[in-house]
Amino acid sequence: MRPRIVYVHGCGPKPRADLLRAEWDRALLGRDANGTSHLAYWAPLLHPEPLPDREPDPMEGRPGAAARAEAGAAGGAAGTRDAGAVGGENAESFPPPLEDPARFVARVAAEAAEAARGRAGRPDGTAPGGTTPDSAASDGPAPDRAASSGTAPDRAASGGTGGEAAGTAEGRAPGRAGGGALDGWLRDMAYLAEALALAEEPRPGPGAEPLPSAPSLARPGRTALFRNLVRRVYQDVHAYFLGGAGPAVRQAVADALDAAEAGRAADGGGPLVVVGHGPGSVAAYEVLAERGQPVDLFVTIGSPLGSAEVQGCLAAPPAVPSGTALWLNASDARDLVALDHTLRPDFAPPGRVTDVLVRNASAHHHGAADYLRDPLVRGPVHRVLGRIA
């Protein structure tokens, strides 16, 4: 018998699947899992091109990579035309102008709605240049549950998110009353990003001591770095719930779980651990809730599942998946994606859920590798994987 792990990655473009899986193995286990780990690789559904092997993943919170990503995204945005100067390797030289947060929120919401309309208008239902949902799932597409969840893709594609369109037209941030299911979550993330950037701005020590020779990223740079995370996460979650990508993402998760089950059967059984990061934790949760598959430990890191707006988009009321024995939810108090850090009050029975606050040292406090390396995450996983019945 051998234990099995299923990883479900988070938002944004990713490295090649085998490279990403190996990175998570090393972070969580300190070694390669020798074929016993499986990755639900859904990035190509929304981001057709993988990251080059030598290019760091901006979603891991490495300042230079995040700076380049922010510069590329902000280069054509209103109010951020000078942000191209950010593109250097050293994030300390990051000098973009600060866009008003309300305008940033309205712009991001509008971009997400436009992307949803673009996917709905393509005959293959993909992002431009992307793969079809069927191509990500070896056994065919998952059933479309949009009607049962109340988040029909065609509603988003026709502008039905309301608050997004209104916020864009009037130059205001979309709000909870505007009609967009995720608008309030986007607004809260964006304003928390402002607060964090100000709180983490380098400042002199006591008296007249100068700043260190290599100070941390100054406020404009930190704001832009945090906003890069907010934009990426919101756009992918919007695509999942409102842009028609949900069924294909869930199918990628189901395929990885099926592969793990086949491996367990061939090995004579063994514990199963499922790890979901950021938006990937939402897809993992929904598949486990639908299937009721036995899982020894479900681990969510940097998860948005505690947010009321995200819970409101789920296909069923929040609850611990019936087959899940234990659920460990880890977050950093500064992680913009995990606005609510306690799942236990909302997901019954609470006795099966443990919420832990950890320190994520990545630049935006959301990097998956930093979560997986934390002893409060690694310890429970290692204990479960070492339990061979």
Protein backbone atom coordinates (compact mmCIF):
# COMPACT_ATOMS: atom_id res chain seq x y z
CA MET A 1 0.00 0.00 0.00
CA ARG A 2 1.16 3.50 -0.82
CA PRO A 3 -0.34 6.89 0.04
CA ARG A 4 -1.56 9.21 -2.71
CA ILE A 5 -1.72 13.00 -2.99
CA VAL A 6 -3.87 15.08 -5.35
CA TYR A 7 -2.84 18.70 -5.88
CA VAL A 8 -5.18 21.36 -7.29
CA HIS A 9 -3.24 24.50 -8.18
CA GLY A 10 -4.40 28.09 -7.91
CA CYS A 11 -4.87 30.97 -10.33
CA GLY A 12 -2.82 32.36 -13.18
CA PRO A 13 -0.61 30.73 -15.81
CA LYS A 14 1.52 27.88 -14.52
CA PRO A 15 4.69 26.03 -15.43
CA ARG A 16 4.43 22.68 -17.20
CA ALA A 17 2.34 20.20 -15.23
CA ASP A 18 5.20 17.84 -14.37
CA LEU A 19 7.39 20.73 -13.26
CA LEU A 20 4.66 22.24 -11.08
CA ARG A 21 3.86 18.88 -9.48
CA ALA A 22 7.54 18.32 -8.68
CA GLU A 23 7.77 21.80 -7.10
CA TRP A 24 4.81 21.05 -4.83
CA ASP A 25 6.26 17.63 -3.94
CA ARG A 26 9.52 19.24 -2.84
CA ALA A 27 7.76 21.95 -0.86
CA LEU A 28 5.40 19.59 0.97
CA LEU A 29 7.45 16.38 1.20
CA GLY A 30 11.01 17.56 0.72
CA ARG A 31 11.43 15.06 -2.13
CA ASP A 32 9.78 13.74 -5.26
CA ALA A 33 6.69 11.65 -4.50
CA ASN A 34 7.85 8.87 -6.86
CA GLY A 35 4.69 8.74 -8.92
CA THR A 36 2.24 8.81 -6.01
CA SER A 37 1.21 12.46 -6.45
CA HIS A 38 -1.24 13.70 -9.05
CA LEU A 39 -1.93 17.23 -10.29
CA ALA A 40 -5.28 18.62 -11.43
CA TYR A 41 -3.81 20.91 -14.09
CA TRP A 42 -6.50 23.36 -15.17
CA ALA A 43 -4.39 26.40 -16.04
CA PRO A 44 -4.53 25.86 -19.86
CA LEU A 45 -8.30 26.33 -19.79
CA LEU A 46 -7.82 30.01 -18.98
CA HIS A 47 -4.14 30.62 -19.75
CA PRO A 48 -3.21 28.76 -22.95
CA GLU A 49 0.57 29.12 -22.73
CA PRO A 50 2.52 27.65 -19.80
CA LEU A 51 5.17 29.76 -18.16
CA PRO A 52 8.66 29.22 -19.56
CA ASP A 53 10.62 26.78 -17.43
CA ARG A 54 13.04 29.45 -16.24
CA GLU A 55 10.42 32.10 -15.51
CA PRO A 56 9.22 32.31 -11.90
CA ASP A 57 5.51 32.04 -11.28
CA PRO A 58 4.18 35.50 -10.30
CA MET A 59 1.57 33.80 -8.13
CA GLU A 60 4.36 32.45 -5.92
CA GLY A 61 4.98 36.00 -4.74
CA ARG A 62 8.54 36.50 -5.97
CA PRO A 63 8.82 40.28 -6.31
CA GLY A 64 10.68 40.44 -9.63
CA ALA A 65 8.25 38.07 -11.35
CA ALA A 66 5.21 39.81 -9.90
CA ALA A 67 6.60 43.19 -10.96
CA ARG A 68 6.99 42.06 -14.55
CA ALA A 69 3.48 40.61 -14.58
CA GLU A 70 2.00 43.80 -13.17
CA ALA A 71 3.90 45.93 -15.68
CA GLY A 72 2.61 43.87 -18.59
CA ALA A 73 -0.98 44.01 -17.40
CA ALA A 74 -0.94 47.68 -16.43
CA GLY A 75 0.86 48.93 -19.54
CA GLY A 76 -2.38 49.40 -21.47
CA ALA A 77 -4.65 50.30 -18.57
CA ALA A 78 -6.05 53.76 -18.04
CA GLY A 79 -4.12 55.69 -15.44
CA THR A 80 -1.14 53.30 -15.45
CA ARG A 81 0.63 54.07 -18.73
CA ASP A 82 3.99 54.58 -17.04
CA ALA A 83 3.93 51.25 -15.24
CA GLY A 84 6.11 49.67 -17.92
CA ALA A 85 9.09 51.00 -15.99
CA VAL A 86 8.43 48.24 -13.51
CA GLY A 87 9.84 45.52 -15.72
CA GLY A 88 13.25 45.25 -14.09
CA GLU A 89 14.42 42.18 -12.22
CA ASN A 90 14.75 44.13 -8.96
CA ALA A 91 11.34 44.86 -7.55
CA GLU A 92 12.83 47.69 -5.46
CA SER A 93 12.86 49.86 -8.63
CA PHE A 94 9.10 49.44 -8.98
CA PRO A 95 7.65 53.01 -9.57
CA PRO A 96 4.12 52.75 -11.03
CA PRO A 97 1.60 55.50 -10.35
CA LEU A 98 -1.20 54.54 -7.97
CA GLU A 99 -4.54 54.11 -9.67
CA ASP A 100 -7.56 55.05 -7.55
CA PRO A 101 -8.73 51.80 -5.89
CA ALA A 102 -12.35 52.31 -6.94
CA ARG A 103 -11.26 52.70 -10.56
CA PHE A 104 -9.03 49.63 -10.25
CA VAL A 105 -11.96 47.58 -8.94
CA ALA A 106 -14.27 48.75 -11.74
CA ARG A 107 -11.61 48.04 -14.38
CA VAL A 108 -10.85 44.53 -13.11
CA ALA A 109 -14.56 43.66 -12.94
CA ALA A 110 -15.10 44.96 -16.46
CA GLU A 111 -12.13 42.99 -17.79
CA ALA A 112 -13.43 39.79 -16.19
CA ALA A 113 -16.91 40.32 -17.67
CA GLU A 114 -15.43 41.03 -21.11
CA ALA A 115 -13.32 37.87 -20.94
CA ALA A 116 -16.45 35.89 -20.05
CA ARG A 117 -18.27 37.33 -23.05
CA GLY A 118 -15.31 36.46 -25.26
CA ARG A 119 -15.32 32.85 -24.12
CA ALA A 120 -19.08 32.59 -24.60
CA GLY A 121 -18.74 33.94 -28.13
CA ARG A 122 -16.15 31.40 -29.25
CA PRO A 123 -17.49 28.23 -30.87
CA ASP A 124 -15.15 26.04 -28.82
CA GLY A 125 -15.94 27.82 -25.56
CA THR A 126 -12.30 28.57 -24.67
CA ALA A 127 -10.13 31.53 -23.90
CA PRO A 128 -8.51 32.91 -27.09
CA GLY A 129 -5.80 30.48 -28.15
CA GLY A 130 -6.78 28.04 -25.44
CA THR A 131 -7.79 24.44 -25.29
CA THR A 132 -11.36 23.29 -25.34
CA PRO A 133 -12.83 22.24 -22.02
CA ASP A 134 -13.09 18.70 -23.40
CA SER A 135 -9.39 18.60 -24.19
CA ALA A 136 -8.50 19.09 -20.53
CA ALA A 137 -10.61 16.12 -19.53
CA SER A 138 -9.61 12.74 -20.82
CA ASP A 139 -13.01 11.25 -20.09
CA GLY A 140 -15.12 14.06 -21.57
CA PRO A 141 -16.69 17.18 -20.13
CA ALA A 142 -18.31 17.39 -16.73
CA PRO A 143 -22.04 18.11 -16.64
CA ASP A 144 -22.94 21.79 -16.59
CA ARG A 145 -24.42 22.58 -13.20
CA ALA A 146 -24.84 26.29 -13.83
CA ALA A 147 -28.61 26.08 -13.47
CA SER A 148 -28.39 24.42 -10.07
CA SER A 149 -25.79 26.86 -8.76
CA GLY A 150 -27.56 29.97 -9.97
CA THR A 151 -24.46 31.21 -11.77
CA ALA A 152 -25.24 30.51 -15.40
CA PRO A 153 -22.33 31.33 -17.72
CA ASP A 154 -24.65 32.94 -20.26
CA ARG A 155 -25.80 35.40 -17.63
CA ALA A 156 -22.25 36.66 -17.19
CA ALA A 157 -21.62 36.61 -20.91
CA SER A 158 -24.61 38.85 -21.55
CA GLY A 159 -23.56 41.38 -18.94
CA GLY A 160 -25.80 39.92 -16.26
CA THR A 161 -23.34 40.63 -13.47
CA GLY A 162 -24.86 44.08 -13.35
CA GLY A 163 -22.56 45.70 -10.85
CA GLU A 164 -19.58 45.25 -13.15
CA ALA A 165 -21.21 47.03 -16.06
CA ALA A 166 -22.59 49.81 -13.89
CA GLY A 167 -19.29 50.34 -12.13
CA THR A 168 -17.45 50.65 -15.42
CA ALA A 169 -19.93 52.99 -17.06
CA GLU A 170 -20.01 55.45 -14.17
CA GLY A 171 -16.37 55.16 -13.08
CA ARG A 172 -17.37 53.69 -9.74
CA ALA A 173 -16.35 50.49 -8.06
CA PRO A 174 -19.02 47.82 -8.29
CA GLY A 175 -20.56 47.15 -4.88
CA ARG A 176 -22.66 44.54 -3.17
CA ALA A 177 -25.88 46.25 -4.27
CA GLY A 178 -24.77 46.34 -7.90
CA GLY A 179 -25.75 42.77 -8.70
CA GLY A 180 -22.36 41.18 -9.30
CA ALA A 181 -22.09 37.97 -7.29
CA LEU A 182 -18.39 38.49 -6.59
CA ASP A 183 -18.19 42.30 -6.65
CA GLY A 184 -18.04 42.77 -2.89
CA TRP A 185 -15.24 40.23 -2.60
CA LEU A 186 -13.22 42.07 -5.26
CA ARG A 187 -13.77 45.39 -3.52
CA ASP A 188 -12.74 44.02 -0.13
CA MET A 189 -9.58 42.44 -1.54
CA ALA A 190 -8.62 45.66 -3.31
CA TYR A 191 -9.05 47.87 -0.26
CA LEU A 192 -7.23 45.41 1.98
CA ALA A 193 -4.39 45.54 -0.56
CA GLU A 194 -4.20 49.31 -0.01
CA ALA A 195 -4.06 48.86 3.76
CA LEU A 196 -1.40 46.16 3.57
CA ALA A 197 0.78 48.16 1.21
CA LEU A 198 0.70 51.12 3.58
CA ALA A 199 1.35 48.96 6.65
CA GLU A 200 4.33 47.23 5.01
CA GLU A 201 5.92 50.39 3.58
CA PRO A 202 9.58 50.71 4.62
CA ARG A 203 10.13 53.34 7.29
CA PRO A 204 13.12 54.57 9.29
CA GLY A 205 13.90 53.05 12.65
CA PRO A 206 14.04 54.96 15.95
CA GLY A 207 15.43 58.47 15.83
CA ALA A 208 17.16 59.55 12.65
CA GLU A 209 18.40 56.13 11.54
CA PRO A 210 18.35 55.85 7.73
CA LEU A 211 16.54 53.15 5.83
CA PRO A 212 18.58 50.00 5.12
CA SER A 213 20.62 50.09 1.93
CA ALA A 214 18.26 47.54 0.31
CA PRO A 215 14.81 48.47 1.63
CA SER A 216 11.71 46.40 1.14
CA LEU A 217 9.40 47.24 -1.72
CA ALA A 218 8.03 50.78 -1.26
CA ARG A 219 4.30 51.44 -1.12
CA PRO A 220 3.59 51.97 -4.86
CA GLY A 221 5.38 48.74 -5.66
CA ARG A 222 3.67 46.77 -2.92
CA THR A 223 0.28 48.12 -3.99
CA ALA A 224 0.90 47.02 -7.57
CA LEU A 225 2.16 43.61 -6.45
CA PHE A 226 -0.91 43.04 -4.28
CA ARG A 227 -3.19 44.25 -7.08
CA ASN A 228 -1.62 41.77 -9.49
CA LEU A 229 -2.70 39.01 -7.11
CA VAL A 230 -6.20 40.49 -6.69
CA ARG A 231 -6.73 40.81 -10.43
CA ARG A 232 -5.51 37.32 -11.27
CA VAL A 233 -7.51 35.62 -8.54
CA TYR A 234 -10.71 37.53 -9.22
CA GLN A 235 -10.55 36.93 -12.97
CA ASP A 236 -10.05 33.18 -12.57
CA VAL A 237 -12.76 32.83 -9.90
CA HIS A 238 -15.11 34.90 -12.07
CA ALA A 239 -14.35 32.62 -15.01
CA TYR A 240 -14.99 29.57 -12.83
CA PHE A 241 -18.35 30.66 -11.44
CA LEU A 242 -19.67 33.11 -14.02
CA GLY A 243 -17.66 32.62 -17.19
CA GLY A 244 -18.44 29.01 -18.08
CA ALA A 245 -15.08 27.49 -17.08
CA GLY A 246 -16.38 25.67 -14.00
CA PRO A 247 -17.36 22.33 -15.54
CA ALA A 248 -14.01 21.86 -17.28
CA VAL A 249 -12.03 22.85 -14.18
CA ARG A 250 -14.01 20.41 -12.06
CA GLN A 251 -13.44 17.71 -14.65
CA ALA A 252 -9.70 18.24 -14.38
CA VAL A 253 -10.02 17.73 -10.62
CA ALA A 254 -12.18 14.63 -11.08
CA ASP A 255 -9.66 13.13 -13.51
CA ALA A 256 -6.81 13.61 -11.03
CA LEU A 257 -8.89 12.01 -8.28
CA ASP A 258 -9.72 9.08 -10.57
CA ALA A 259 -6.03 8.62 -11.35
CA ALA A 260 -5.23 8.60 -7.63
CA GLU A 261 -7.99 6.06 -6.95
CA ALA A 262 -6.72 3.82 -9.74
CA GLY A 263 -3.23 3.99 -8.24
CA ARG A 264 -4.52 3.19 -4.78
CA ALA A 265 -6.43 0.19 -6.10
CA ALA A 266 -3.33 -1.12 -7.84
CA ASP A 267 -1.27 -0.64 -4.67
CA GLY A 268 -3.82 -2.27 -2.38
CA GLY A 269 -5.08 0.93 -0.77
CA GLY A 270 -3.44 3.65 1.30
CA PRO A 271 -4.30 7.13 2.61
CA LEU A 272 -5.48 9.89 0.25
CA VAL A 273 -4.66 13.58 0.77
CA VAL A 274 -6.13 16.34 -1.41
CA VAL A 275 -4.48 19.79 -1.42
CA GLY A 276 -6.14 22.84 -2.97
CA HIS A 277 -4.57 26.31 -3.29
CA GLY A 278 -6.55 29.53 -3.70
CA PRO A 279 -9.25 29.12 -6.36
CA GLY A 280 -8.13 25.52 -6.81
CA SER A 281 -9.43 24.83 -3.31
CA VAL A 282 -12.90 25.88 -4.48
CA ALA A 283 -12.89 23.44 -7.38
CA ALA A 284 -11.49 20.67 -5.17
CA TYR A 285 -14.17 21.32 -2.56
CA GLU A 286 -17.02 21.26 -5.08
CA VAL A 287 -15.85 17.98 -6.63
CA LEU A 288 -15.37 16.31 -3.26
CA ALA A 289 -18.77 17.57 -2.10
CA GLU A 290 -20.46 16.19 -5.22
CA ARG A 291 -18.71 12.83 -5.23
CA GLY A 292 -18.54 12.07 -1.50
CA GLN A 293 -15.27 10.29 -2.21
CA PRO A 294 -13.37 9.05 0.86
CA VAL A 295 -10.48 11.40 1.63
CA ASP A 296 -8.29 11.06 4.71
CA LEU A 297 -7.22 14.71 4.75
CA PHE A 298 -8.41 17.71 2.72
CA VAL A 299 -5.96 20.64 2.89
CA THR A 300 -6.91 24.13 1.74
CA ILE A 301 -4.23 26.84 1.63
CA GLY A 302 -4.94 30.50 0.97
CA SER A 303 -8.55 29.57 0.26
CA PRO A 304 -11.38 32.03 -0.52
CA LEU A 305 -14.01 29.53 0.68
CA GLY A 306 -14.63 31.57 3.82
CA SER A 307 -15.84 34.59 1.83
CA ALA A 308 -19.60 35.06 1.80
CA GLU A 309 -19.61 35.97 -1.90
CA VAL A 310 -17.77 32.78 -2.83
CA GLN A 311 -20.01 30.67 -0.61
CA GLY A 312 -23.02 32.24 -2.31
CA CYS A 313 -21.83 30.91 -5.67
CA LEU A 314 -21.35 27.31 -4.52
CA ALA A 315 -23.70 24.68 -5.93
CA ALA A 316 -24.86 23.63 -2.45
CA PRO A 317 -24.81 25.15 1.05
CA PRO A 318 -21.38 24.95 2.72
CA ALA A 319 -20.67 21.68 4.52
CA VAL A 320 -17.76 19.30 5.00
CA PRO A 321 -17.82 16.85 2.07
CA SER A 322 -19.38 13.63 3.27
CA GLY A 323 -16.34 11.48 2.52
CA THR A 324 -13.79 13.87 4.04
CA ALA A 325 -12.48 12.63 7.39
CA LEU A 326 -10.43 15.72 8.29
CA TRP A 327 -10.13 19.21 6.80
CA LEU A 328 -7.13 21.45 7.48
CA ASN A 329 -7.47 25.09 6.38
CA ALA A 330 -4.30 27.20 6.54
CA SER A 331 -3.97 30.90 5.76
CA ASP A 332 -1.79 33.91 6.47
CA ALA A 333 -3.67 36.77 8.13
CA ARG A 334 -2.30 39.05 5.37
CA ASP A 335 -3.42 36.83 2.48
CA LEU A 336 -5.79 38.93 0.37
CA VAL A 337 -7.47 35.87 -1.13
CA ALA A 338 -8.36 34.30 2.22
CA LEU A 339 -10.32 37.27 3.53
CA ASP A 340 -12.10 35.07 6.07
CA HIS A 341 -9.60 32.77 7.76
CA THR A 342 -12.02 30.48 9.60
CA LEU A 343 -14.03 27.90 7.69
CA ARG A 344 -15.04 25.99 10.80
CA PRO A 345 -18.10 28.12 11.69
CA ASP A 346 -19.57 27.77 8.18
CA PHE A 347 -18.75 24.20 7.17
CA ALA A 348 -20.52 21.65 9.40
CA PRO A 349 -19.75 19.50 11.22
CA PRO A 350 -17.15 21.87 12.73
CA GLY A 351 -15.41 19.06 14.59
CA ARG A 352 -13.87 17.88 11.31
CA VAL A 353 -12.41 21.28 10.36
CA THR A 354 -9.22 22.82 11.77
CA ASP A 355 -8.29 26.41 10.90
CA VAL A 356 -4.66 27.47 11.40
CA LEU A 357 -2.94 30.80 10.86
CA VAL A 358 0.57 30.46 9.47
CA ARG A 359 3.24 32.86 8.27
CA ASN A 360 3.54 32.95 4.49
CA ALA A 361 6.79 34.74 3.70
CA SER A 362 6.13 35.20 -0.03
CA ALA A 363 5.98 38.81 -1.17
CA HIS A 364 2.17 38.84 -1.31
CA HIS A 365 1.64 36.20 1.43
CA HIS A 366 -0.24 33.80 -0.88
CA GLY A 367 2.50 31.66 -2.45
CA ALA A 368 1.66 27.94 -2.48
CA ALA A 369 5.21 26.76 -1.79
CA ASP A 370 5.45 28.85 1.38
CA TYR A 371 2.20 27.37 2.62
CA LEU A 372 3.26 23.81 1.85
CA ARG A 373 6.59 24.23 3.63
CA ASP A 374 5.01 25.44 6.86
CA PRO A 375 5.25 22.88 9.72
CA LEU A 376 1.56 23.37 10.57
CA VAL A 377 0.71 22.14 7.07
CA ARG A 378 3.50 19.61 6.51
CA GLY A 379 3.12 17.96 9.90
CA PRO A 380 -0.52 16.80 9.56
CA VAL A 381 0.05 15.74 5.95
CA HIS A 382 3.09 13.65 6.87
CA ARG A 383 1.22 12.02 9.74
CA VAL A 384 -1.65 11.00 7.48
CA LEU A 385 0.62 9.80 4.68
CA GLY A 386 2.61 7.72 7.14
CA ARG A 387 -0.49 5.95 8.42
CA ILE A 388 -0.69 2.74 6.44
CA ALA A 389 -3.62 0.62 7.64
